[in-house]
């Protein structure tokens, strides 16, 4: 998967949108935060790259 910092993606288990903060290709992990950001910020969490999907919703937000 061609995943980059700043990309907007969804998780297989969620309809919410997330922004990619960092990617670790060697360990198939990435760090995400909810997008758009919450007023007091959005916590960052780790997820498997296998859980990431690019969707029409994510593509529309990045254009």
PDB file of N, CA and C in Angstrom:
ATOM      1  N   UNK A   1       0.861  -1.183   0.000  1.00  0.00           N
ATOM      2  CA  UNK A   1       0.000   0.000   0.000  1.00  0.00           C
ATOM      3  C   UNK A   1       0.897   1.233   0.000  1.00  0.00           C
ATOM      4  N   UNK A   2       0.534   2.202  -0.775  1.00  0.00           N
ATOM      5  CA  UNK A   2       1.284   3.450  -0.878  1.00  0.00           C
ATOM      6  C   UNK A   2       0.689   4.460   0.096  1.00  0.00           C
ATOM      7  N   UNK A   3       1.167   4.437   1.334  1.00  0.00           N
ATOM      8  CA  UNK A   3       0.632   5.249   2.421  1.00  0.00           C
ATOM      9  C   UNK A   3       1.658   6.295   2.819  1.00  0.00           C
ATOM     10  N   UNK A   4       1.214   7.552   2.943  1.00  0.00           N
ATOM     11  CA  UNK A   4       2.130   8.651   3.234  1.00  0.00           C
ATOM     12  C   UNK A   4       1.609   9.507   4.375  1.00  0.00           C
ATOM     13  N   UNK A   5       2.539  10.161   5.065  1.00  0.00           N
ATOM     14  CA  UNK A   5       2.173  11.105   6.115  1.00  0.00           C
ATOM     15  C   UNK A   5       1.247  12.159   5.530  1.00  0.00           C
ATOM     16  N   UNK A   6       0.159  12.446   6.243  1.00  0.00           N
ATOM     17  CA  UNK A   6      -0.813  13.441   5.796  1.00  0.00           C
ATOM     18  C   UNK A   6      -1.991  12.878   5.036  1.00  0.00           C
ATOM     19  N   UNK A   7      -1.897  11.619   4.576  1.00  0.00           N
ATOM     20  CA  UNK A   7      -3.025  10.995   3.874  1.00  0.00           C
ATOM     21  C   UNK A   7      -4.238  10.889   4.795  1.00  0.00           C
ATOM     22  N   UNK A   8      -5.419  10.989   4.231  1.00  0.00           N
ATOM     23  CA  UNK A   8      -6.656  10.745   4.965  1.00  0.00           C
ATOM     24  C   UNK A   8      -7.165   9.371   4.570  1.00  0.00           C
ATOM     25  N   UNK A   9      -7.451   8.546   5.575  1.00  0.00           N
ATOM     26  CA  UNK A   9      -7.835   7.151   5.347  1.00  0.00           C
ATOM     27  C   UNK A   9      -8.967   6.770   6.285  1.00  0.00           C
ATOM     28  N   UNK A  10      -9.483   5.577   6.080  1.00  0.00           N
ATOM     29  CA  UNK A  10     -10.455   4.991   6.999  1.00  0.00           C
ATOM     30  C   UNK A  10      -9.911   3.654   7.478  1.00  0.00           C
ATOM     31  N   UNK A  11     -10.452   3.169   8.590  1.00  0.00           N
ATOM     32  CA  UNK A  11     -10.129   1.842   9.090  1.00  0.00           C
ATOM     33  C   UNK A  11     -11.228   0.884   8.665  1.00  0.00           C
ATOM     34  N   UNK A  12     -10.883  -0.366   8.504  1.00  0.00           N
ATOM     35  CA  UNK A  12     -11.881  -1.371   8.133  1.00  0.00           C
ATOM     36  C   UNK A  12     -13.045  -1.396   9.111  1.00  0.00           C
ATOM     37  N   UNK A  13     -12.762  -1.118  10.376  1.00  0.00           N
ATOM     38  CA  UNK A  13     -13.779  -1.229  11.425  1.00  0.00           C
ATOM     39  C   UNK A  13     -14.507   0.083  11.730  1.00  0.00           C
ATOM     40  N   UNK A  14     -14.296   1.124  10.908  1.00  0.00           N
ATOM     41  CA  UNK A  14     -14.877   2.423  11.229  1.00  0.00           C
ATOM     42  C   UNK A  14     -15.247   3.194   9.969  1.00  0.00           C
ATOM     43  N   UNK A  15     -16.276   4.026  10.090  1.00  0.00           N
ATOM     44  CA  UNK A  15     -16.639   4.924   8.989  1.00  0.00           C
ATOM     45  C   UNK A  15     -16.017   6.297   9.158  1.00  0.00           C
ATOM     46  N   UNK A  16     -15.290   6.497  10.263  1.00  0.00           N
ATOM     47  CA  UNK A  16     -14.665   7.793  10.520  1.00  0.00           C
ATOM     48  C   UNK A  16     -13.428   7.978   9.652  1.00  0.00           C
ATOM     49  N   UNK A  17     -13.020   9.213   9.533  1.00  0.00           N
ATOM     50  CA  UNK A  17     -11.854   9.575   8.746  1.00  0.00           C
ATOM     51  C   UNK A  17     -10.680   9.833   9.684  1.00  0.00           C
ATOM     52  N   UNK A  18      -9.472   9.400   9.272  1.00  0.00           N
ATOM     53  CA  UNK A  18      -8.269   9.567  10.070  1.00  0.00           C
ATOM     54  C   UNK A  18      -7.139  10.107   9.210  1.00  0.00           C
ATOM     55  N   UNK A  19      -6.234  10.860   9.836  1.00  0.00           N
ATOM     56  CA  UNK A  19      -5.065  11.393   9.144  1.00  0.00           C
ATOM     57  C   UNK A  19      -3.852  10.570   9.563  1.00  0.00           C
ATOM     58  N   UNK A  20      -3.021  10.208   8.592  1.00  0.00           N
ATOM     59  CA  UNK A  20      -1.798   9.466   8.861  1.00  0.00           C
ATOM     60  C   UNK A  20      -0.750  10.429   9.409  1.00  0.00           C
ATOM     61  N   UNK A  21      -0.208  10.102  10.582  1.00  0.00           N
ATOM     62  CA  UNK A  21       0.816  10.913  11.220  1.00  0.00           C
ATOM     63  C   UNK A  21       2.208  10.385  10.872  1.00  0.00           C
ATOM     64  N   UNK A  22       2.372   9.066  10.876  1.00  0.00           N
ATOM     65  CA  UNK A  22       3.657   8.440  10.561  1.00  0.00           C
ATOM     66  C   UNK A  22       3.414   7.019  10.075  1.00  0.00           C
ATOM     67  N   UNK A  23       4.388   6.493   9.319  1.00  0.00           N
ATOM     68  CA  UNK A  23       4.290   5.144   8.775  1.00  0.00           C
ATOM     69  C   UNK A  23       5.593   4.399   9.073  1.00  0.00           C
ATOM     70  N   UNK A  24       5.477   3.161   9.549  1.00  0.00           N
ATOM     71  CA  UNK A  24       6.619   2.280   9.761  1.00  0.00           C
ATOM     72  C   UNK A  24       6.432   1.072   8.850  1.00  0.00           C
ATOM     73  N   UNK A  25       6.957   1.170   7.628  1.00  0.00           N
ATOM     74  CA  UNK A  25       6.796   0.095   6.647  1.00  0.00           C
ATOM     75  C   UNK A  25       7.460  -1.204   7.090  1.00  0.00           C
ATOM     76  N   UNK A  26       8.565  -1.107   7.819  1.00  0.00           N
ATOM     77  CA  UNK A  26       9.293  -2.307   8.256  1.00  0.00           C
ATOM     78  C   UNK A  26       8.453  -3.178   9.180  1.00  0.00           C
ATOM     79  N   UNK A  27       7.591  -2.555   9.963  1.00  0.00           N
ATOM     80  CA  UNK A  27       6.759  -3.296  10.918  1.00  0.00           C
ATOM     81  C   UNK A  27       5.266  -3.256  10.555  1.00  0.00           C
ATOM     82  N   UNK A  28       4.938  -2.731   9.378  1.00  0.00           N
ATOM     83  CA  UNK A  28       3.552  -2.655   8.895  1.00  0.00           C
ATOM     84  C   UNK A  28       2.629  -1.970   9.897  1.00  0.00           C
ATOM     85  N   UNK A  29       3.093  -0.862  10.463  1.00  0.00           N
ATOM     86  CA  UNK A  29       2.324  -0.091  11.440  1.00  0.00           C
ATOM     87  C   UNK A  29       2.242   1.356  10.976  1.00  0.00           C
ATOM     88  N   UNK A  30       1.231   2.052  11.469  1.00  0.00           N
ATOM     89  CA  UNK A  30       1.140   3.487  11.225  1.00  0.00           C
ATOM     90  C   UNK A  30       0.487   4.149  12.433  1.00  0.00           C
ATOM     91  N   UNK A  31       0.628   5.447  12.503  1.00  0.00           N
ATOM     92  CA  UNK A  31       0.034   6.217  13.587  1.00  0.00           C
ATOM     93  C   UNK A  31      -0.964   7.179  12.980  1.00  0.00           C
ATOM     94  N   UNK A  32      -2.132   7.229  13.576  1.00  0.00           N
ATOM     95  CA  UNK A  32      -3.258   7.983  13.033  1.00  0.00           C
ATOM     96  C   UNK A  32      -3.845   8.914  14.084  1.00  0.00           C
ATOM     97  N   UNK A  33      -4.608   9.901  13.609  1.00  0.00           N
ATOM     98  CA  UNK A  33      -5.450  10.716  14.488  1.00  0.00           C
ATOM     99  C   UNK A  33      -6.732  11.022  13.733  1.00  0.00           C
ATOM    100  N   UNK A  34      -7.790  11.239  14.475  1.00  0.00           N
ATOM    101  CA  UNK A  34      -9.100  11.521  13.880  1.00  0.00           C
ATOM    102  C   UNK A  34      -9.034  12.808  13.062  1.00  0.00           C
ATOM    103  N   UNK A  35      -9.742  12.821  11.943  1.00  0.00           N
ATOM    104  CA  UNK A  35      -9.782  13.989  11.075  1.00  0.00           C
ATOM    105  C   UNK A  35     -11.229  14.304  10.757  1.00  0.00           C
ATOM    106  N   UNK A  36     -11.690  15.525  10.811  1.00  0.00           N
ATOM    107  CA  UNK A  36     -10.910  16.709  11.181  1.00  0.00           C
ATOM    108  C   UNK A  36     -10.563  16.690  12.670  1.00  0.00           C
ATOM    109  N   UNK A  37      -9.574  17.484  13.023  1.00  0.00           N
ATOM    110  CA  UNK A  37      -9.123  17.535  14.407  1.00  0.00           C
ATOM    111  C   UNK A  37     -10.242  18.011  15.323  1.00  0.00           C
ATOM    112  N   UNK A  38     -10.262  17.463  16.514  1.00  0.00           N
ATOM    113  CA  UNK A  38     -11.202  17.927  17.533  1.00  0.00           C
ATOM    114  C   UNK A  38     -10.727  19.279  18.062  1.00  0.00           C
ATOM    115  N   UNK A  39     -11.607  20.102  18.636  1.00  0.00           N
ATOM    116  CA  UNK A  39     -11.219  21.430  19.120  1.00  0.00           C
ATOM    117  C   UNK A  39     -10.017  21.422  20.072  1.00  0.00           C
ATOM    118  N   UNK A  40      -9.907  20.394  20.899  1.00  0.00           N
ATOM    119  CA  UNK A  40      -8.777  20.315  21.833  1.00  0.00           C
ATOM    120  C   UNK A  40      -7.723  19.322  21.346  1.00  0.00           C
ATOM    121  N   UNK A  41      -7.740  19.000  20.071  1.00  0.00           N
ATOM    122  CA  UNK A  41      -6.775  18.061  19.510  1.00  0.00           C
ATOM    123  C   UNK A  41      -7.332  16.645  19.462  1.00  0.00           C
ATOM    124  N   UNK A  42      -6.698  15.820  18.678  1.00  0.00           N
ATOM    125  CA  UNK A  42      -7.112  14.430  18.528  1.00  0.00           C
ATOM    126  C   UNK A  42      -5.958  13.528  18.938  1.00  0.00           C
ATOM    127  N   UNK A  43      -6.208  12.572  19.846  1.00  0.00           N
ATOM    128  CA  UNK A  43      -5.125  11.683  20.271  1.00  0.00           C
ATOM    129  C   UNK A  43      -4.616  10.824  19.117  1.00  0.00           C
ATOM    130  N   UNK A  44      -3.338  10.543  19.138  1.00  0.00           N
ATOM    131  CA  UNK A  44      -2.698   9.697  18.132  1.00  0.00           C
ATOM    132  C   UNK A  44      -2.731   8.254  18.632  1.00  0.00           C
ATOM    133  N   UNK A  45      -2.981   7.316  17.724  1.00  0.00           N
ATOM    134  CA  UNK A  45      -2.971   5.907  18.076  1.00  0.00           C
ATOM    135  C   UNK A  45      -2.316   5.096  16.973  1.00  0.00           C
ATOM    136  N   UNK A  46      -1.852   3.922  17.339  1.00  0.00           N
ATOM    137  CA  UNK A  46      -1.159   3.027  16.409  1.00  0.00           C
ATOM    138  C   UNK A  46      -2.147   2.034  15.812  1.00  0.00           C
ATOM    139  N   UNK A  47      -1.950   1.705  14.529  1.00  0.00           N
ATOM    140  CA  UNK A  47      -2.809   0.724  13.865  1.00  0.00           C
ATOM    141  C   UNK A  47      -1.978  -0.061  12.848  1.00  0.00           C
ATOM    142  N   UNK A  48      -2.423  -1.245  12.553  1.00  0.00           N
ATOM    143  CA  UNK A  48      -1.791  -2.062  11.520  1.00  0.00           C
ATOM    144  C   UNK A  48      -2.138  -1.477  10.148  1.00  0.00           C
ATOM    145  N   UNK A  49      -1.175  -1.476   9.260  1.00  0.00           N
ATOM    146  CA  UNK A  49      -1.423  -0.989   7.897  1.00  0.00           C
ATOM    147  C   UNK A  49      -2.489  -1.853   7.224  1.00  0.00           C
ATOM    148  N   UNK A  50      -2.617  -3.099   7.640  1.00  0.00           N
ATOM    149  CA  UNK A  50      -3.627  -4.004   7.070  1.00  0.00           C
ATOM    150  C   UNK A  50      -5.044  -3.548   7.389  1.00  0.00           C
ATOM    151  N   UNK A  51      -5.213  -2.694   8.405  1.00  0.00           N
ATOM    152  CA  UNK A  51      -6.541  -2.189   8.780  1.00  0.00           C
ATOM    153  C   UNK A  51      -6.940  -0.947   7.986  1.00  0.00           C
ATOM    154  N   UNK A  52      -6.028  -0.397   7.192  1.00  0.00           N
ATOM    155  CA  UNK A  52      -6.251   0.859   6.485  1.00  0.00           C
ATOM    156  C   UNK A  52      -6.939   0.619   5.151  1.00  0.00           C
ATOM    157  N   UNK A  53      -7.913   1.462   4.836  1.00  0.00           N
ATOM    158  CA  UNK A  53      -8.539   1.445   3.514  1.00  0.00           C
ATOM    159  C   UNK A  53      -8.621   2.882   2.998  1.00  0.00           C
ATOM    160  N   UNK A  54      -8.414   3.031   1.709  1.00  0.00           N
ATOM    161  CA  UNK A  54      -8.667   4.306   1.062  1.00  0.00           C
ATOM    162  C   UNK A  54     -10.091   4.238   0.544  1.00  0.00           C
ATOM    163  N   UNK A  55     -10.877   5.237   0.845  1.00  0.00           N
ATOM    164  CA  UNK A  55     -12.275   5.233   0.420  1.00  0.00           C
ATOM    165  C   UNK A  55     -12.580   6.515  -0.331  1.00  0.00           C
ATOM    166  N   UNK A  56     -13.739   6.563  -0.955  1.00  0.00           N
ATOM    167  CA  UNK A  56     -14.162   7.789  -1.637  1.00  0.00           C
ATOM    168  C   UNK A  56     -14.249   8.952  -0.666  1.00  0.00           C
ATOM    169  N   UNK A  57     -14.721   8.684   0.544  1.00  0.00           N
ATOM    170  CA  UNK A  57     -14.820   9.726   1.563  1.00  0.00           C
ATOM    171  C   UNK A  57     -13.439  10.302   1.871  1.00  0.00           C
ATOM    172  N   UNK A  58     -12.448   9.426   2.019  1.00  0.00           N
ATOM    173  CA  UNK A  58     -11.088   9.882   2.303  1.00  0.00           C
ATOM    174  C   UNK A  58     -10.509  10.638   1.119  1.00  0.00           C
ATOM    175  N   UNK A  59     -10.755  10.164  -0.071  1.00  0.00           N
ATOM    176  CA  UNK A  59     -10.215  10.827  -1.265  1.00  0.00           C
ATOM    177  C   UNK A  59     -10.830  12.205  -1.450  1.00  0.00           C
ATOM    178  N   UNK A  60     -12.114  12.349  -1.164  1.00  0.00           N
ATOM    179  CA  UNK A  60     -12.783  13.652  -1.303  1.00  0.00           C
ATOM    180  C   UNK A  60     -12.222  14.673  -0.325  1.00  0.00           C
ATOM    181  N   UNK A  61     -11.843  14.250   0.878  1.00  0.00           N
ATOM    182  CA  UNK A  61     -11.328  15.166   1.896  1.00  0.00           C
ATOM    183  C   UNK A  61      -9.938  15.676   1.561  1.00  0.00           C
ATOM    184  N   UNK A  62      -9.179  14.930   0.754  1.00  0.00           N
ATOM    185  CA  UNK A  62      -7.809  15.322   0.453  1.00  0.00           C
ATOM    186  C   UNK A  62      -7.719  16.168  -0.807  1.00  0.00           C
ATOM    187  N   UNK A  63      -8.794  16.366  -1.503  1.00  0.00           N
ATOM    188  CA  UNK A  63      -8.756  17.149  -2.751  1.00  0.00           C
ATOM    189  C   UNK A  63      -9.144  18.579  -2.508  1.00  0.00           C
TER     190      UNK A  63
END
